[in-house]
Amino acid sequence: MRAIFFGGGTPSLLSPDQIRRIGERIRYHFDLSQVEEYSFEIEVKSLTPEKAEAMREAGVTHPRFGLQTFQSEWRAMFDLTATLEQVHAAT
């Protein structure tokens, strides 16, 4: 296994403790020594410093923000509700 993608359904809605427990279970069941990328999908409005730390502890190497676009007209069309200020604060 070279990559883990934890996403779909916005897992950043989980609590920091839940994120840690999932990370523990993944490490328990899989050999991660060859993993090059461990991605975690994040909805920027739900990100907190505690959740970011829990992701780090779980071994996440690549947070994935559901940004899609910076263009305001496309953001409106796709009903992307996070503001660009929230996106910038999360990165």
N, C-alpha and C. Protein backbone atom coordinates (compact mmCIF):
# COMPACT_ATOMS: atom_id res chain seq x y z
N MET A 1 0.85 -1.16 0.00
CA MET A 1 0.00 0.00 0.00
C MET A 1 0.90 1.23 0.00
N ARG A 2 0.67 2.14 -0.95
CA ARG A 2 1.51 3.33 -1.05
C ARG A 2 0.77 4.61 -0.71
N ALA A 3 -0.57 4.54 -0.64
CA ALA A 3 -1.34 5.75 -0.35
C ALA A 3 -2.61 5.41 0.42
N ILE A 4 -3.00 6.33 1.26
CA ILE A 4 -4.26 6.24 1.99
C ILE A 4 -5.01 7.53 1.70
N PHE A 5 -6.27 7.40 1.31
CA PHE A 5 -7.12 8.56 1.16
C PHE A 5 -8.31 8.37 2.08
N PHE A 6 -8.43 9.23 3.08
CA PHE A 6 -9.56 9.16 4.00
C PHE A 6 -10.46 10.34 3.65
N GLY A 7 -11.52 10.04 2.96
CA GLY A 7 -12.38 11.12 2.52
C GLY A 7 -13.76 10.64 2.15
N GLY A 8 -14.53 11.55 1.58
CA GLY A 8 -15.92 11.26 1.25
C GLY A 8 -16.76 11.40 2.51
N GLY A 9 -17.70 12.31 2.50
CA GLY A 9 -18.49 12.51 3.70
C GLY A 9 -17.83 13.45 4.69
N THR A 10 -16.76 14.08 4.29
CA THR A 10 -16.08 15.10 5.09
C THR A 10 -15.68 14.59 6.47
N PRO A 11 -14.65 13.78 6.56
CA PRO A 11 -14.23 13.24 7.85
C PRO A 11 -13.75 14.30 8.85
N SER A 12 -13.52 15.53 8.41
CA SER A 12 -13.10 16.55 9.38
C SER A 12 -14.24 16.96 10.30
N LEU A 13 -15.43 16.44 10.07
CA LEU A 13 -16.53 16.67 11.02
C LEU A 13 -16.38 15.81 12.26
N LEU A 14 -15.49 14.82 12.20
CA LEU A 14 -15.22 13.98 13.36
C LEU A 14 -14.53 14.80 14.45
N SER A 15 -14.62 14.32 15.68
CA SER A 15 -13.93 14.98 16.79
C SER A 15 -12.44 14.64 16.73
N PRO A 16 -11.59 15.41 17.40
CA PRO A 16 -10.16 15.07 17.45
C PRO A 16 -9.93 13.66 17.98
N ASP A 17 -10.68 13.25 19.00
CA ASP A 17 -10.52 11.91 19.56
C ASP A 17 -10.89 10.83 18.54
N GLN A 18 -11.95 11.06 17.79
CA GLN A 18 -12.34 10.09 16.76
C GLN A 18 -11.28 9.99 15.67
N ILE A 19 -10.71 11.11 15.29
CA ILE A 19 -9.65 11.12 14.28
C ILE A 19 -8.45 10.31 14.78
N ARG A 20 -8.08 10.54 16.03
CA ARG A 20 -6.95 9.77 16.62
C ARG A 20 -7.25 8.28 16.64
N ARG A 21 -8.46 7.91 17.06
CA ARG A 21 -8.82 6.49 17.16
C ARG A 21 -8.81 5.83 15.78
N ILE A 22 -9.29 6.52 14.77
CA ILE A 22 -9.25 5.97 13.41
C ILE A 22 -7.80 5.78 12.98
N GLY A 23 -6.96 6.78 13.26
CA GLY A 23 -5.54 6.65 12.93
C GLY A 23 -4.90 5.46 13.62
N GLU A 24 -5.23 5.24 14.88
CA GLU A 24 -4.70 4.09 15.62
C GLU A 24 -5.14 2.78 14.98
N ARG A 25 -6.40 2.69 14.58
CA ARG A 25 -6.91 1.46 13.97
C ARG A 25 -6.26 1.21 12.61
N ILE A 26 -6.05 2.25 11.84
CA ILE A 26 -5.39 2.08 10.55
C ILE A 26 -3.98 1.56 10.77
N ARG A 27 -3.24 2.16 11.72
CA ARG A 27 -1.87 1.70 12.00
C ARG A 27 -1.86 0.27 12.54
N TYR A 28 -2.87 -0.10 13.30
CA TYR A 28 -2.95 -1.45 13.87
C TYR A 28 -3.16 -2.50 12.78
N HIS A 29 -4.00 -2.18 11.80
CA HIS A 29 -4.39 -3.16 10.79
C HIS A 29 -3.52 -3.15 9.53
N PHE A 30 -2.75 -2.09 9.31
CA PHE A 30 -1.98 -2.00 8.07
C PHE A 30 -0.54 -1.60 8.36
N ASP A 31 0.36 -2.13 7.54
CA ASP A 31 1.76 -1.74 7.59
C ASP A 31 1.90 -0.45 6.79
N LEU A 32 2.21 0.63 7.46
CA LEU A 32 2.29 1.93 6.80
C LEU A 32 3.71 2.32 6.42
N SER A 33 4.64 1.38 6.54
CA SER A 33 6.05 1.72 6.29
C SER A 33 6.32 2.13 4.85
N GLN A 34 5.50 1.70 3.90
CA GLN A 34 5.70 2.05 2.50
C GLN A 34 4.75 3.15 2.01
N VAL A 35 3.92 3.67 2.90
CA VAL A 35 2.95 4.68 2.51
C VAL A 35 3.67 5.99 2.19
N GLU A 36 3.42 6.51 1.01
CA GLU A 36 4.04 7.76 0.58
C GLU A 36 3.13 8.95 0.83
N GLU A 37 1.82 8.70 0.85
CA GLU A 37 0.88 9.79 1.05
C GLU A 37 -0.31 9.29 1.87
N TYR A 38 -0.64 10.03 2.91
CA TYR A 38 -1.79 9.73 3.75
C TYR A 38 -2.64 10.99 3.74
N SER A 39 -3.69 10.97 2.92
CA SER A 39 -4.53 12.15 2.72
C SER A 39 -5.77 12.10 3.60
N PHE A 40 -6.24 13.27 3.97
CA PHE A 40 -7.42 13.40 4.82
C PHE A 40 -8.25 14.55 4.28
N GLU A 41 -9.49 14.27 3.92
CA GLU A 41 -10.36 15.29 3.35
C GLU A 41 -10.85 16.22 4.46
N ILE A 42 -10.81 17.53 4.18
CA ILE A 42 -11.16 18.53 5.19
C ILE A 42 -12.14 19.54 4.61
N GLU A 43 -13.19 19.77 5.33
CA GLU A 43 -14.11 20.88 5.03
C GLU A 43 -13.59 22.03 5.88
N VAL A 44 -13.15 23.09 5.24
CA VAL A 44 -12.39 24.13 5.95
C VAL A 44 -13.14 24.75 7.12
N LYS A 45 -14.45 24.82 7.06
CA LYS A 45 -15.20 25.43 8.16
C LYS A 45 -15.18 24.56 9.41
N SER A 46 -14.86 23.28 9.27
CA SER A 46 -14.86 22.40 10.44
C SER A 46 -13.46 22.19 11.03
N LEU A 47 -12.43 22.75 10.40
CA LEU A 47 -11.07 22.55 10.88
C LEU A 47 -10.78 23.39 12.12
N THR A 48 -10.19 22.75 13.12
CA THR A 48 -9.73 23.44 14.32
C THR A 48 -8.27 23.05 14.55
N PRO A 49 -7.55 23.82 15.36
CA PRO A 49 -6.17 23.43 15.67
C PRO A 49 -6.11 22.03 16.31
N GLU A 50 -7.09 21.69 17.13
CA GLU A 50 -7.11 20.38 17.78
C GLU A 50 -7.28 19.25 16.76
N LYS A 51 -8.12 19.47 15.76
CA LYS A 51 -8.31 18.47 14.72
C LYS A 51 -7.07 18.35 13.85
N ALA A 52 -6.43 19.47 13.55
CA ALA A 52 -5.19 19.43 12.77
C ALA A 52 -4.12 18.64 13.52
N GLU A 53 -4.02 18.85 14.81
CA GLU A 53 -3.05 18.10 15.62
C GLU A 53 -3.39 16.61 15.64
N ALA A 54 -4.67 16.28 15.76
CA ALA A 54 -5.09 14.88 15.75
C ALA A 54 -4.74 14.22 14.42
N MET A 55 -4.89 14.95 13.32
CA MET A 55 -4.51 14.41 12.00
C MET A 55 -3.02 14.16 11.94
N ARG A 56 -2.25 15.10 12.47
CA ARG A 56 -0.79 14.93 12.51
C ARG A 56 -0.43 13.69 13.31
N GLU A 57 -1.06 13.52 14.47
CA GLU A 57 -0.80 12.36 15.32
C GLU A 57 -1.20 11.05 14.62
N ALA A 58 -2.26 11.12 13.81
CA ALA A 58 -2.72 9.94 13.10
C ALA A 58 -1.80 9.57 11.94
N GLY A 59 -0.90 10.48 11.56
CA GLY A 59 0.05 10.22 10.49
C GLY A 59 -0.30 10.86 9.16
N VAL A 60 -1.31 11.72 9.13
CA VAL A 60 -1.72 12.37 7.89
C VAL A 60 -0.57 13.23 7.37
N THR A 61 -0.28 13.07 6.08
CA THR A 61 0.78 13.84 5.45
C THR A 61 0.24 14.89 4.49
N HIS A 62 -0.99 14.71 4.01
CA HIS A 62 -1.57 15.62 3.01
C HIS A 62 -3.02 15.94 3.36
N PRO A 63 -3.27 17.09 3.98
CA PRO A 63 -4.67 17.50 4.15
C PRO A 63 -5.23 17.91 2.80
N ARG A 64 -6.45 17.53 2.53
CA ARG A 64 -7.09 17.85 1.25
C ARG A 64 -8.30 18.73 1.51
N PHE A 65 -8.20 19.97 1.09
CA PHE A 65 -9.29 20.92 1.27
C PHE A 65 -10.21 20.87 0.06
N GLY A 66 -11.51 20.85 0.31
CA GLY A 66 -12.48 20.83 -0.78
C GLY A 66 -12.66 22.21 -1.37
N LEU A 67 -11.60 22.78 -1.84
CA LEU A 67 -11.61 24.16 -2.34
C LEU A 67 -12.31 24.29 -3.69
N GLN A 68 -12.04 23.43 -4.62
CA GLN A 68 -12.54 23.43 -5.98
C GLN A 68 -12.09 24.65 -6.80
N THR A 69 -12.34 25.87 -6.33
CA THR A 69 -11.98 27.05 -7.11
C THR A 69 -11.91 28.29 -6.22
N PHE A 70 -11.13 29.28 -6.66
CA PHE A 70 -11.10 30.59 -5.99
C PHE A 70 -12.05 31.57 -6.67
N GLN A 71 -12.55 31.24 -7.85
CA GLN A 71 -13.39 32.15 -8.63
C GLN A 71 -14.78 32.26 -8.01
N SER A 72 -15.18 33.49 -7.65
CA SER A 72 -16.44 33.70 -6.93
C SER A 72 -17.65 33.21 -7.71
N GLU A 73 -17.67 33.40 -9.03
CA GLU A 73 -18.84 32.95 -9.79
C GLU A 73 -18.99 31.43 -9.78
N TRP A 74 -17.85 30.72 -9.84
CA TRP A 74 -17.90 29.26 -9.77
C TRP A 74 -18.23 28.79 -8.36
N ARG A 75 -17.72 29.49 -7.36
CA ARG A 75 -18.03 29.12 -5.98
C ARG A 75 -19.52 29.25 -5.73
N ALA A 76 -20.14 30.29 -6.27
CA ALA A 76 -21.59 30.47 -6.13
C ALA A 76 -22.34 29.37 -6.88
N MET A 77 -21.89 29.06 -8.08
CA MET A 77 -22.56 28.04 -8.89
C MET A 77 -22.52 26.67 -8.20
N PHE A 78 -21.38 26.35 -7.58
CA PHE A 78 -21.22 25.06 -6.90
C PHE A 78 -21.73 25.08 -5.46
N ASP A 79 -22.25 26.23 -5.03
CA ASP A 79 -22.76 26.40 -3.66
C ASP A 79 -21.69 26.05 -2.62
N LEU A 80 -20.48 26.55 -2.84
CA LEU A 80 -19.39 26.34 -1.89
C LEU A 80 -19.53 27.40 -0.80
N THR A 81 -19.82 26.98 0.40
CA THR A 81 -20.19 27.92 1.45
C THR A 81 -19.03 28.44 2.28
N ALA A 82 -17.90 27.78 2.24
CA ALA A 82 -16.74 28.30 2.98
C ALA A 82 -16.27 29.58 2.29
N THR A 83 -16.01 30.60 3.08
CA THR A 83 -15.51 31.84 2.50
C THR A 83 -14.03 31.68 2.15
N LEU A 84 -13.54 32.53 1.27
CA LEU A 84 -12.12 32.47 0.93
C LEU A 84 -11.27 32.82 2.16
N GLU A 85 -11.79 33.65 3.04
CA GLU A 85 -11.08 33.96 4.28
C GLU A 85 -10.92 32.69 5.13
N GLN A 86 -11.97 31.86 5.18
CA GLN A 86 -11.89 30.60 5.92
C GLN A 86 -10.89 29.64 5.26
N VAL A 87 -10.88 29.62 3.94
CA VAL A 87 -9.93 28.78 3.22
C VAL A 87 -8.51 29.21 3.54
N HIS A 88 -8.23 30.49 3.46
CA HIS A 88 -6.88 31.00 3.74
C HIS A 88 -6.49 30.76 5.19
N ALA A 89 -7.42 30.89 6.12
CA ALA A 89 -7.12 30.65 7.54
C ALA A 89 -6.78 29.19 7.80
N ALA A 90 -7.38 28.29 7.03
CA ALA A 90 -7.15 26.86 7.23
C ALA A 90 -5.83 26.39 6.67
N THR A 91 -5.26 27.15 5.73
CA THR A 91 -4.03 26.68 5.09
C THR A 91 -2.83 27.19 5.74
